[in-house]
């Protein structure tokens, strides 16, 4: 496992890339990316959120300024590192948002914090991910050949076609994608009591990877309020429906405070 420094200066420069504190913010919104994603997936979010919410995208190893670091290959390793690295930033009320792989990170990090009797998120926003107790019937892809993996990426529609058609670029990207898919595909779900925080789920109407029927079971993971919202778009609706989704997030967090 990687050694994690928990000094605020290092965390700001590594784990929270381009972090900017908003002194008047009442809530800090940590954002966890999808497989292959980085903080770039959340570029512009702060502009669509009120100043009372501080957008804090999390930069995982293997991407952006951390491209030279080996990416995590298991969810357990990811959550262990984040529980330590982000702890100095749990000093004000906070919430978690995660899309696809990020949704699993958000859930399991919340459960980890509860086991340690630490501060818990005010709200859990999960997006583009089947409920963890619903098995994925698709075969794993992180060990596919390069050509087969690229073919699957075309189906996901999350990687620009120009990148998929660029062999040298894909040779740089494939190790990260394999590691992230391994995080998702080697994940083992274990039952735990439901969380006390509200859960809001977002899904894409045209998402072929996450069937709509696999989203309502997220309700089992909260004893508080639950809501499900569907947006036009495929698996990456968080980009095409960004403004509407962030409006909902803001409304729920402002009302909650």
C-alpha atoms as a PDB file:
ATOM      1  CA  UNK A   1       0.000   0.000   0.000  1.00  0.00           C
ATOM      2  CA  UNK A   2       1.166   3.509  -0.727  1.00  0.00           C
ATOM      3  CA  UNK A   3       2.425   5.682   2.108  1.00  0.00           C
ATOM      4  CA  UNK A   4       0.020   8.571   2.617  1.00  0.00           C
ATOM      5  CA  UNK A   5       1.065  11.897   4.079  1.00  0.00           C
ATOM      6  CA  UNK A   6      -1.727  13.667   5.916  1.00  0.00           C
ATOM      7  CA  UNK A   7      -0.178  17.117   6.150  1.00  0.00           C
ATOM      8  CA  UNK A   8      -2.655  19.694   4.850  1.00  0.00           C
ATOM      9  CA  UNK A   9      -0.159  21.252   2.437  1.00  0.00           C
ATOM     10  CA  UNK A  10       0.604  17.951   0.714  1.00  0.00           C
ATOM     11  CA  UNK A  11      -3.033  16.884   0.558  1.00  0.00           C
ATOM     12  CA  UNK A  12      -4.032  20.154  -1.059  1.00  0.00           C
ATOM     13  CA  UNK A  13      -1.458  19.726  -3.788  1.00  0.00           C
ATOM     14  CA  UNK A  14      -1.985  16.006  -4.427  1.00  0.00           C
ATOM     15  CA  UNK A  15      -5.359  14.659  -3.304  1.00  0.00           C
ATOM     16  CA  UNK A  16      -7.386  17.816  -3.882  1.00  0.00           C
ATOM     17  CA  UNK A  17      -5.922  19.178  -7.094  1.00  0.00           C
ATOM     18  CA  UNK A  18      -6.584  22.882  -7.645  1.00  0.00           C
ATOM     19  CA  UNK A  19      -8.242  22.971  -4.233  1.00  0.00           C
ATOM     20  CA  UNK A  20      -9.575  26.375  -3.256  1.00  0.00           C
ATOM     21  CA  UNK A  21     -11.150  26.911   0.135  1.00  0.00           C
ATOM     22  CA  UNK A  22     -14.359  28.919   0.268  1.00  0.00           C
ATOM     23  CA  UNK A  23     -14.413  30.422   3.794  1.00  0.00           C
ATOM     24  CA  UNK A  24     -18.153  31.132   3.647  1.00  0.00           C
ATOM     25  CA  UNK A  25     -19.064  27.649   2.425  1.00  0.00           C
ATOM     26  CA  UNK A  26     -21.269  25.667   4.799  1.00  0.00           C
ATOM     27  CA  UNK A  27     -20.704  22.287   3.101  1.00  0.00           C
ATOM     28  CA  UNK A  28     -17.698  20.700   1.385  1.00  0.00           C
ATOM     29  CA  UNK A  29     -18.678  18.409  -1.532  1.00  0.00           C
ATOM     30  CA  UNK A  30     -16.050  15.736  -2.232  1.00  0.00           C
ATOM     31  CA  UNK A  31     -16.304  14.373  -5.790  1.00  0.00           C
ATOM     32  CA  UNK A  32     -14.987  10.934  -6.790  1.00  0.00           C
ATOM     33  CA  UNK A  33     -14.455  10.105 -10.497  1.00  0.00           C
ATOM     34  CA  UNK A  34     -15.491   7.276 -12.767  1.00  0.00           C
ATOM     35  CA  UNK A  35     -12.998   4.714 -14.125  1.00  0.00           C
ATOM     36  CA  UNK A  36     -10.323   6.530 -16.099  1.00  0.00           C
ATOM     37  CA  UNK A  37     -11.610   9.877 -14.875  1.00  0.00           C
ATOM     38  CA  UNK A  38      -9.831  12.668 -13.040  1.00  0.00           C
ATOM     39  CA  UNK A  39     -10.630  16.011 -11.447  1.00  0.00           C
ATOM     40  CA  UNK A  40     -11.197  17.271 -14.993  1.00  0.00           C
ATOM     41  CA  UNK A  41     -14.576  15.510 -14.893  1.00  0.00           C
ATOM     42  CA  UNK A  42     -15.699  18.118 -12.361  1.00  0.00           C
ATOM     43  CA  UNK A  43     -14.244  21.179 -14.043  1.00  0.00           C
ATOM     44  CA  UNK A  44     -16.721  24.017 -13.859  1.00  0.00           C
ATOM     45  CA  UNK A  45     -18.796  22.508 -11.059  1.00  0.00           C
ATOM     46  CA  UNK A  46     -18.085  25.340  -8.648  1.00  0.00           C
ATOM     47  CA  UNK A  47     -19.551  27.776 -11.143  1.00  0.00           C
ATOM     48  CA  UNK A  48     -22.851  25.871 -11.090  1.00  0.00           C
ATOM     49  CA  UNK A  49     -22.972  25.621  -7.296  1.00  0.00           C
ATOM     50  CA  UNK A  50     -23.820  28.320  -4.758  1.00  0.00           C
ATOM     51  CA  UNK A  51     -20.959  29.765  -2.706  1.00  0.00           C
ATOM     52  CA  UNK A  52     -22.345  27.931   0.329  1.00  0.00           C
ATOM     53  CA  UNK A  53     -21.108  24.650  -1.244  1.00  0.00           C
ATOM     54  CA  UNK A  54     -17.396  24.076  -1.761  1.00  0.00           C
ATOM     55  CA  UNK A  55     -16.655  21.719  -4.662  1.00  0.00           C
ATOM     56  CA  UNK A  56     -13.658  19.484  -3.797  1.00  0.00           C
ATOM     57  CA  UNK A  57     -12.812  17.018  -6.621  1.00  0.00           C
ATOM     58  CA  UNK A  58     -10.495  14.235  -5.482  1.00  0.00           C
ATOM     59  CA  UNK A  59      -7.453  13.389  -7.607  1.00  0.00           C
ATOM     60  CA  UNK A  60      -6.590   9.697  -7.371  1.00  0.00           C
ATOM     61  CA  UNK A  61      -3.108   8.334  -8.202  1.00  0.00           C
ATOM     62  CA  UNK A  62      -2.264   7.639 -11.839  1.00  0.00           C
ATOM     63  CA  UNK A  63      -3.864  10.706 -13.415  1.00  0.00           C
ATOM     64  CA  UNK A  64      -3.227  14.408 -13.850  1.00  0.00           C
ATOM     65  CA  UNK A  65      -0.285  15.641 -11.809  1.00  0.00           C
ATOM     66  CA  UNK A  66      -0.150  12.165 -10.209  1.00  0.00           C
ATOM     67  CA  UNK A  67       0.316  10.314 -13.483  1.00  0.00           C
ATOM     68  CA  UNK A  68       3.674   8.893 -12.362  1.00  0.00           C
ATOM     69  CA  UNK A  69       2.091   7.206  -9.321  1.00  0.00           C
ATOM     70  CA  UNK A  70       0.742   3.655  -9.680  1.00  0.00           C
ATOM     71  CA  UNK A  71      -3.070   3.650  -9.636  1.00  0.00           C
ATOM     72  CA  UNK A  72      -4.981   1.671  -7.047  1.00  0.00           C
ATOM     73  CA  UNK A  73      -6.234  -1.744  -8.177  1.00  0.00           C
ATOM     74  CA  UNK A  74      -8.673  -2.515  -5.362  1.00  0.00           C
ATOM     75  CA  UNK A  75     -11.461  -0.602  -3.684  1.00  0.00           C
ATOM     76  CA  UNK A  76     -10.159  -1.556  -0.243  1.00  0.00           C
ATOM     77  CA  UNK A  77      -6.790   0.087  -0.969  1.00  0.00           C
ATOM     78  CA  UNK A  78      -8.498   3.168  -2.373  1.00  0.00           C
ATOM     79  CA  UNK A  79     -10.760   3.647   0.636  1.00  0.00           C
ATOM     80  CA  UNK A  80      -7.955   3.005   3.120  1.00  0.00           C
ATOM     81  CA  UNK A  81      -5.857   5.762   1.559  1.00  0.00           C
ATOM     82  CA  UNK A  82      -8.725   8.236   1.272  1.00  0.00           C
ATOM     83  CA  UNK A  83      -9.859   7.741   4.875  1.00  0.00           C
ATOM     84  CA  UNK A  84      -6.457   8.964   6.027  1.00  0.00           C
ATOM     85  CA  UNK A  85      -5.712  11.520   3.314  1.00  0.00           C
ATOM     86  CA  UNK A  86      -8.993  13.424   3.488  1.00  0.00           C
ATOM     87  CA  UNK A  87      -9.436  13.373   7.270  1.00  0.00           C
ATOM     88  CA  UNK A  88      -8.093  16.945   7.776  1.00  0.00           C
ATOM     89  CA  UNK A  89     -10.826  18.162   5.422  1.00  0.00           C
ATOM     90  CA  UNK A  90     -13.668  16.661   7.437  1.00  0.00           C
ATOM     91  CA  UNK A  91     -13.462  19.701   9.708  1.00  0.00           C
ATOM     92  CA  UNK A  92     -16.729  21.133   8.387  1.00  0.00           C
ATOM     93  CA  UNK A  93     -19.981  19.470   7.254  1.00  0.00           C
ATOM     94  CA  UNK A  94     -19.361  17.530   4.055  1.00  0.00           C
ATOM     95  CA  UNK A  95     -21.076  15.399   1.439  1.00  0.00           C
ATOM     96  CA  UNK A  96     -19.892  12.801  -1.081  1.00  0.00           C
ATOM     97  CA  UNK A  97     -20.625  12.587  -4.805  1.00  0.00           C
ATOM     98  CA  UNK A  98     -19.405   9.678  -6.890  1.00  0.00           C
ATOM     99  CA  UNK A  99     -20.100   8.591 -10.447  1.00  0.00           C
ATOM    100  CA  UNK A 100     -19.782   4.913 -11.452  1.00  0.00           C
ATOM    101  CA  UNK A 101     -16.540   3.775  -9.749  1.00  0.00           C
ATOM    102  CA  UNK A 102     -16.781   6.926  -7.647  1.00  0.00           C
ATOM    103  CA  UNK A 103     -20.176   5.846  -6.307  1.00  0.00           C
ATOM    104  CA  UNK A 104     -18.628   2.707  -4.819  1.00  0.00           C
ATOM    105  CA  UNK A 105     -15.818   4.793  -3.332  1.00  0.00           C
ATOM    106  CA  UNK A 106     -18.345   7.194  -1.771  1.00  0.00           C
ATOM    107  CA  UNK A 107     -20.381   4.373  -0.222  1.00  0.00           C
ATOM    108  CA  UNK A 108     -17.479   2.348   1.132  1.00  0.00           C
ATOM    109  CA  UNK A 109     -15.644   5.408   2.427  1.00  0.00           C
ATOM    110  CA  UNK A 110     -18.813   6.380   4.322  1.00  0.00           C
ATOM    111  CA  UNK A 111     -19.044   2.901   5.798  1.00  0.00           C
ATOM    112  CA  UNK A 112     -15.355   2.977   6.721  1.00  0.00           C
ATOM    113  CA  UNK A 113     -15.771   6.313   8.528  1.00  0.00           C
ATOM    114  CA  UNK A 114     -18.727   4.932  10.458  1.00  0.00           C
ATOM    115  CA  UNK A 115     -16.762   1.866  11.576  1.00  0.00           C
ATOM    116  CA  UNK A 116     -14.093   4.224  12.895  1.00  0.00           C
ATOM    117  CA  UNK A 117     -16.746   6.402  14.578  1.00  0.00           C
ATOM    118  CA  UNK A 118     -15.607   9.398  12.531  1.00  0.00           C
ATOM    119  CA  UNK A 119     -17.662  12.263  11.119  1.00  0.00           C
ATOM    120  CA  UNK A 120     -20.047  11.077   8.396  1.00  0.00           C
ATOM    121  CA  UNK A 121     -21.281  12.823   5.251  1.00  0.00           C
ATOM    122  CA  UNK A 122     -24.444  14.876   5.461  1.00  0.00           C
ATOM    123  CA  UNK A 123     -25.602  13.389   2.173  1.00  0.00           C
ATOM    124  CA  UNK A 124     -24.477  10.681  -0.244  1.00  0.00           C
ATOM    125  CA  UNK A 125     -24.977  11.354  -3.969  1.00  0.00           C
ATOM    126  CA  UNK A 126     -24.405   8.270  -6.121  1.00  0.00           C
ATOM    127  CA  UNK A 127     -24.530   8.416  -9.887  1.00  0.00           C
ATOM    128  CA  UNK A 128     -24.403   5.965 -12.780  1.00  0.00           C
ATOM    129  CA  UNK A 129     -23.840   2.860 -10.639  1.00  0.00           C
ATOM    130  CA  UNK A 130     -26.015  -0.135  -9.865  1.00  0.00           C
ATOM    131  CA  UNK A 131     -26.693  -0.727  -6.181  1.00  0.00           C
ATOM    132  CA  UNK A 132     -23.723  -2.666  -4.790  1.00  0.00           C
ATOM    133  CA  UNK A 133     -25.800  -5.672  -3.770  1.00  0.00           C
ATOM    134  CA  UNK A 134     -27.014  -6.103  -7.363  1.00  0.00           C
ATOM    135  CA  UNK A 135     -24.582  -8.399  -9.203  1.00  0.00           C
ATOM    136  CA  UNK A 136     -23.120  -7.235 -12.488  1.00  0.00           C
ATOM    137  CA  UNK A 137     -23.970  -9.865 -15.087  1.00  0.00           C
ATOM    138  CA  UNK A 138     -21.410  -8.506 -17.546  1.00  0.00           C
ATOM    139  CA  UNK A 139     -18.075 -10.400 -17.635  1.00  0.00           C
ATOM    140  CA  UNK A 140     -15.057  -8.519 -16.235  1.00  0.00           C
ATOM    141  CA  UNK A 141     -13.060  -6.522 -18.744  1.00  0.00           C
ATOM    142  CA  UNK A 142      -9.904  -5.434 -16.916  1.00  0.00           C
ATOM    143  CA  UNK A 143      -7.989  -8.454 -18.254  1.00  0.00           C
ATOM    144  CA  UNK A 144      -9.185  -8.207 -21.852  1.00  0.00           C
ATOM    145  CA  UNK A 145      -6.684  -7.827 -24.666  1.00  0.00           C
ATOM    146  CA  UNK A 146      -5.906  -4.240 -25.647  1.00  0.00           C
ATOM    147  CA  UNK A 147      -8.030  -4.432 -28.795  1.00  0.00           C
ATOM    148  CA  UNK A 148     -11.034  -5.938 -26.978  1.00  0.00           C
ATOM    149  CA  UNK A 149     -10.778  -3.433 -24.159  1.00  0.00           C
ATOM    150  CA  UNK A 150     -10.691  -0.536 -26.608  1.00  0.00           C
ATOM    151  CA  UNK A 151     -13.775  -1.987 -28.315  1.00  0.00           C
ATOM    152  CA  UNK A 152     -15.601  -1.975 -24.973  1.00  0.00           C
ATOM    153  CA  UNK A 153     -14.517   1.593 -24.334  1.00  0.00           C
ATOM    154  CA  UNK A 154     -16.134   2.625 -27.610  1.00  0.00           C
ATOM    155  CA  UNK A 155     -19.382   1.168 -26.323  1.00  0.00           C
ATOM    156  CA  UNK A 156     -19.136   3.144 -23.069  1.00  0.00           C
ATOM    157  CA  UNK A 157     -18.892   6.388 -25.064  1.00  0.00           C
ATOM    158  CA  UNK A 158     -16.823   8.046 -22.333  1.00  0.00           C
ATOM    159  CA  UNK A 159     -13.462   8.198 -24.121  1.00  0.00           C
ATOM    160  CA  UNK A 160     -13.114  10.555 -27.099  1.00  0.00           C
ATOM    161  CA  UNK A 161     -12.911   8.650 -30.370  1.00  0.00           C
ATOM    162  CA  UNK A 162      -9.802  10.607 -31.315  1.00  0.00           C
ATOM    163  CA  UNK A 163      -8.096   9.127 -28.254  1.00  0.00           C
ATOM    164  CA  UNK A 164      -9.332   5.596 -28.995  1.00  0.00           C
ATOM    165  CA  UNK A 165      -7.902   5.888 -32.506  1.00  0.00           C
ATOM    166  CA  UNK A 166      -4.501   7.048 -31.206  1.00  0.00           C
ATOM    167  CA  UNK A 167      -2.445   3.893 -30.411  1.00  0.00           C
ATOM    168  CA  UNK A 168       0.340   5.686 -28.542  1.00  0.00           C
ATOM    169  CA  UNK A 169      -2.094   7.610 -26.369  1.00  0.00           C
ATOM    170  CA  UNK A 170      -4.072   4.457 -25.591  1.00  0.00           C
ATOM    171  CA  UNK A 171      -0.902   2.665 -24.511  1.00  0.00           C
ATOM    172  CA  UNK A 172      -0.549   5.386 -21.873  1.00  0.00           C
ATOM    173  CA  UNK A 173      -4.199   5.251 -20.818  1.00  0.00           C
ATOM    174  CA  UNK A 174      -4.844   1.500 -20.766  1.00  0.00           C
ATOM    175  CA  UNK A 175      -2.898   0.709 -17.557  1.00  0.00           C
ATOM    176  CA  UNK A 176      -4.959   3.279 -15.638  1.00  0.00           C
ATOM    177  CA  UNK A 177      -8.207   2.025 -17.142  1.00  0.00           C
ATOM    178  CA  UNK A 178      -7.330  -1.586 -16.330  1.00  0.00           C
ATOM    179  CA  UNK A 179      -6.527  -0.625 -12.736  1.00  0.00           C
ATOM    180  CA  UNK A 180      -9.787   1.317 -12.332  1.00  0.00           C
ATOM    181  CA  UNK A 181     -11.858  -1.471 -13.850  1.00  0.00           C
ATOM    182  CA  UNK A 182     -10.100  -3.849 -11.467  1.00  0.00           C
ATOM    183  CA  UNK A 183     -11.199  -1.621  -8.567  1.00  0.00           C
ATOM    184  CA  UNK A 184     -14.816  -2.106  -9.657  1.00  0.00           C
ATOM    185  CA  UNK A 185     -14.686  -5.715 -10.818  1.00  0.00           C
ATOM    186  CA  UNK A 186     -12.830  -7.166  -7.825  1.00  0.00           C
ATOM    187  CA  UNK A 187     -15.088  -5.350  -5.351  1.00  0.00           C
ATOM    188  CA  UNK A 188     -16.860  -7.679  -2.931  1.00  0.00           C
ATOM    189  CA  UNK A 189     -20.008  -6.405  -1.279  1.00  0.00           C
ATOM    190  CA  UNK A 190     -20.657  -7.213   2.372  1.00  0.00           C
ATOM    191  CA  UNK A 191     -23.848  -6.370   4.207  1.00  0.00           C
ATOM    192  CA  UNK A 192     -23.690  -3.674   6.864  1.00  0.00           C
ATOM    193  CA  UNK A 193     -26.426  -1.652   8.587  1.00  0.00           C
ATOM    194  CA  UNK A 194     -27.877   1.143   6.470  1.00  0.00           C
ATOM    195  CA  UNK A 195     -26.338   4.603   6.765  1.00  0.00           C
ATOM    196  CA  UNK A 196     -28.158   7.366   8.613  1.00  0.00           C
ATOM    197  CA  UNK A 197     -27.494   9.992   5.939  1.00  0.00           C
ATOM    198  CA  UNK A 198     -29.875  10.617   3.004  1.00  0.00           C
ATOM    199  CA  UNK A 199     -28.990   9.053  -0.338  1.00  0.00           C
ATOM    200  CA  UNK A 200     -29.795  10.580  -3.708  1.00  0.00           C
ATOM    201  CA  UNK A 201     -29.287   8.459  -6.823  1.00  0.00           C
ATOM    202  CA  UNK A 202     -28.833   9.738 -10.381  1.00  0.00           C
ATOM    203  CA  UNK A 203     -29.217   7.624 -13.501  1.00  0.00           C
ATOM    204  CA  UNK A 204     -29.123   8.038 -17.266  1.00  0.00           C
ATOM    205  CA  UNK A 205     -32.234   7.142 -19.233  1.00  0.00           C
ATOM    206  CA  UNK A 206     -30.088   5.830 -22.097  1.00  0.00           C
ATOM    207  CA  UNK A 207     -27.402   4.195 -19.926  1.00  0.00           C
ATOM    208  CA  UNK A 208     -26.813   0.714 -21.375  1.00  0.00           C
ATOM    209  CA  UNK A 209     -24.294  -0.172 -18.660  1.00  0.00           C
ATOM    210  CA  UNK A 210     -26.543   0.451 -15.648  1.00  0.00           C
ATOM    211  CA  UNK A 211     -30.141  -0.722 -16.073  1.00  0.00           C
ATOM    212  CA  UNK A 212     -32.763   1.448 -14.406  1.00  0.00           C
ATOM    213  CA  UNK A 213     -33.969  -1.507 -12.320  1.00  0.00           C
ATOM    214  CA  UNK A 214     -30.578  -1.667 -10.561  1.00  0.00           C
ATOM    215  CA  UNK A 215     -30.889   1.856  -9.119  1.00  0.00           C
ATOM    216  CA  UNK A 216     -33.883   1.733  -6.673  1.00  0.00           C
ATOM    217  CA  UNK A 217     -32.170  -0.907  -4.455  1.00  0.00           C
ATOM    218  CA  UNK A 218     -29.825   1.850  -3.258  1.00  0.00           C
ATOM    219  CA  UNK A 219     -32.757   2.659  -0.957  1.00  0.00           C
ATOM    220  CA  UNK A 220     -31.651  -0.218   1.281  1.00  0.00           C
ATOM    221  CA  UNK A 221     -28.491   1.693   2.224  1.00  0.00           C
ATOM    222  CA  UNK A 222     -30.145   4.537   4.128  1.00  0.00           C
ATOM    223  CA  UNK A 223     -32.479   4.907   7.091  1.00  0.00           C
ATOM    224  CA  UNK A 224     -33.042   8.529   6.056  1.00  0.00           C
ATOM    225  CA  UNK A 225     -34.520  10.130   2.933  1.00  0.00           C
ATOM    226  CA  UNK A 226     -34.032   8.487  -0.450  1.00  0.00           C
ATOM    227  CA  UNK A 227     -34.654   9.863  -3.926  1.00  0.00           C
ATOM    228  CA  UNK A 228     -33.935   8.740  -7.482  1.00  0.00           C
ATOM    229  CA  UNK A 229     -33.623  11.083 -10.457  1.00  0.00           C
ATOM    230  CA  UNK A 230     -33.231  10.068 -14.096  1.00  0.00           C
ATOM    231  CA  UNK A 231     -31.682  12.319 -16.742  1.00  0.00           C
ATOM    232  CA  UNK A 232     -31.528  12.108 -20.532  1.00  0.00           C
ATOM    233  CA  UNK A 233     -28.242  10.669 -21.723  1.00  0.00           C
ATOM    234  CA  UNK A 234     -26.020   7.602 -21.639  1.00  0.00           C
ATOM    235  CA  UNK A 235     -23.603   6.447 -18.941  1.00  0.00           C
ATOM    236  CA  UNK A 236     -21.906   9.850 -18.969  1.00  0.00           C
ATOM    237  CA  UNK A 237     -25.043  11.898 -18.437  1.00  0.00           C
ATOM    238  CA  UNK A 238     -23.235  13.718 -15.607  1.00  0.00           C
ATOM    239  CA  UNK A 239     -21.625  15.854 -18.338  1.00  0.00           C
ATOM    240  CA  UNK A 240     -24.643  16.441 -20.567  1.00  0.00           C
ATOM    241  CA  UNK A 241     -27.025  16.985 -17.630  1.00  0.00           C
ATOM    242  CA  UNK A 242     -24.499  18.707 -15.372  1.00  0.00           C
ATOM    243  CA  UNK A 243     -26.443  21.904 -14.726  1.00  0.00           C
ATOM    244  CA  UNK A 244     -29.710  20.150 -13.832  1.00  0.00           C
ATOM    245  CA  UNK A 245     -27.943  17.602 -11.639  1.00  0.00           C
ATOM    246  CA  UNK A 246     -25.971  20.237  -9.734  1.00  0.00           C
ATOM    247  CA  UNK A 247     -29.145  22.253  -9.223  1.00  0.00           C
ATOM    248  CA  UNK A 248     -30.645  19.227  -7.475  1.00  0.00           C
ATOM    249  CA  UNK A 249     -27.520  18.636  -5.400  1.00  0.00           C
ATOM    250  CA  UNK A 250     -27.453  22.273  -4.307  1.00  0.00           C
ATOM    251  CA  UNK A 251     -31.128  22.317  -3.425  1.00  0.00           C
ATOM    252  CA  UNK A 252     -30.816  19.213  -1.255  1.00  0.00           C
ATOM    253  CA  UNK A 253     -27.701  20.412   0.564  1.00  0.00           C
ATOM    254  CA  UNK A 254     -29.007  23.942   1.142  1.00  0.00           C
ATOM    255  CA  UNK A 255     -32.303  22.604   2.479  1.00  0.00           C
ATOM    256  CA  UNK A 256     -30.464  20.111   4.646  1.00  0.00           C
ATOM    257  CA  UNK A 257     -28.406  22.867   6.233  1.00  0.00           C
END
